[in-house]
């Protein structure tokens, strides 16, 4: 007698609730926790769950939801700006890896068509495992994270041409009662056009009508319905559901309901991705592994070494720093979840024999399971080795000789230097922390006391005198690191006043959310100065233009702080911005008219125009 759906749900949820927190506590990460949970409950250990094909089909919807959320973060304009990184590194990775795998397959005696099919399928990496692992490590904004994301994005798009190429590599023609070419092509074009046009013109009024009902559960249902409908549509025309959901996300990225969609779908994505990882673990065929105890490990190691080598070369070509290159290569060295779909498609079209597909499916699953372990090895061995080597070659994380300066400057690049020069000009001592060793060497030539170190390290902040200093000027380049420093200082040095530099408006919002009131956007002052000069060039008096600049800065900073309350409500956020724009315009015009009247009065009374501020 079968267990039934509820019993299976009980087993999967129990395994996740027990295994994932333990894995996180042991420093293994949630992905490896899910994989281990799947292996334990799978048919080859405890046997609590059986056939994984149906579960895998359901769990793959987690990948679909993940790519929909990724698409929501990429506005079409931003995606167009990223075309270079996506097409360059992404296209080069697929091309080089496919060519290398095809060559290896041909050398071991496989026909060229089969070798090319295997090369194309195994060139893809696991979007689900890589993104989840990088997000957990807060590496998405690093060199390795951005490069890996670009490669994964191209790979997901490359699934379409691979699906088109595979039938052309068939060993024997597949019997068919119809000529699919024209119908399939028109169906694909119609599906993609339907997603783009429907997302742009149809879904916004639909979501607007649902939102007006003020029933959140219906909005959640509509969001899931949208993604499921797109998945079904893409499957019906033979395309990847994940790619269709990504495209829909991009189309809706400019929608006023983007944040609501993200908030509603995120919990489902997390649960289904966890189910996907568990089903991968439970689907590992240890019986087949036992039948080929030398061949399977050799294939897994060979695949991952070859992909690692290609990715290291690619990292060198696109000039990723050595330590980040290792993270980039190890993160993407596995096979991907799309391989399961493509191998199934290859079997249907008689591109590859069944025993080869079974073997390679196991190889892909094992490579995916090994990836979290490789990233742990990278975290605990490889990256510390780079840190050690850098410390040997560069200044060490120095313990500053404490002359108790009242100000600590973290990050002494183009922004921090200006602050430091102003403070030094008034005789105010500073303790400077900087991570760029070449920058340190240059600054010391000019007589600055600069110390090498990572300001997010608690021991270094203690050594720098944070417990006695009055101010921390935070001008670190990396937004994620700056937020880590803020959290640490708030927790361990609550007396220390933080003056924070923000790269842009979103970064400023995050800093304000972290409880720092003194935020200075790096481009605001210079941009306003340029605008003031533009006004003077257009005939405004110098004092009038200067006042306009001050009014603009005052109101823009006030708007910045008010917008923090509406970051999750795009509609209100935009309305507030428009309201402030009108208020600012009225204020500037009223100020201009007032100054004109004062100027006329001064002229008539014989007072110099420069004295009007005193009146």
Foldseek 3Di string as FASTA:
>chain_A
DDDDDVQVVVLLVVQLVPQQVVCVVVVLHNLLSLLVSLQCCFCVHVVVDYDLPVLLVQLCVLLLLVLLLVLLQAAPVNVVVCPCLQCPLQVLLLVVQLVVQLVVCVVVPDDSLLSSLVSNQQSAFAPLLLVRLCVVVVNCPPPLNVSLVSNNVNNLVVQVVSLVCLLVLAPDFDDDPDDCPVVLVVLVVVLLVCLLCCLQPPVQVVLVVVVVVVDLVVNLVVLVVVLVVSCVSQVVSPHHSSVSSNSNSNSCSPHLCSLVSCVSSVVVSVVSSSSNSSSLSSPQPVVVCVVPVPVLVVLLVVQLVSQLVSQLVSCVVVVDDPLSSNVNSLSGSAGYPCSVVSLVSSVSSNSDDPVVSVSVSNSRSVNSSCSSVSVVCSVPPVNVVVLVVCVVVFPHQDLDPDPPFQEEEEACPPVNVVVVVVCVVVVGDYAYEHADRVVVVVVVVVPDNYGYDQLLDPVNCVSRPLQPHAEYEYEDPDLVSSLSNLVVCCVPPVNYQYAYEAQDLVSQLVVVVSPHLHYHYPCLVVVLVVVLVVVVVVPDDNVLSVVLSVLVVVLVSVLSNVLSVCPSRSVVSVVSVVVSVVVSVVVSVVSVVVLVVLQVVCVVVVHDSVCSVVD
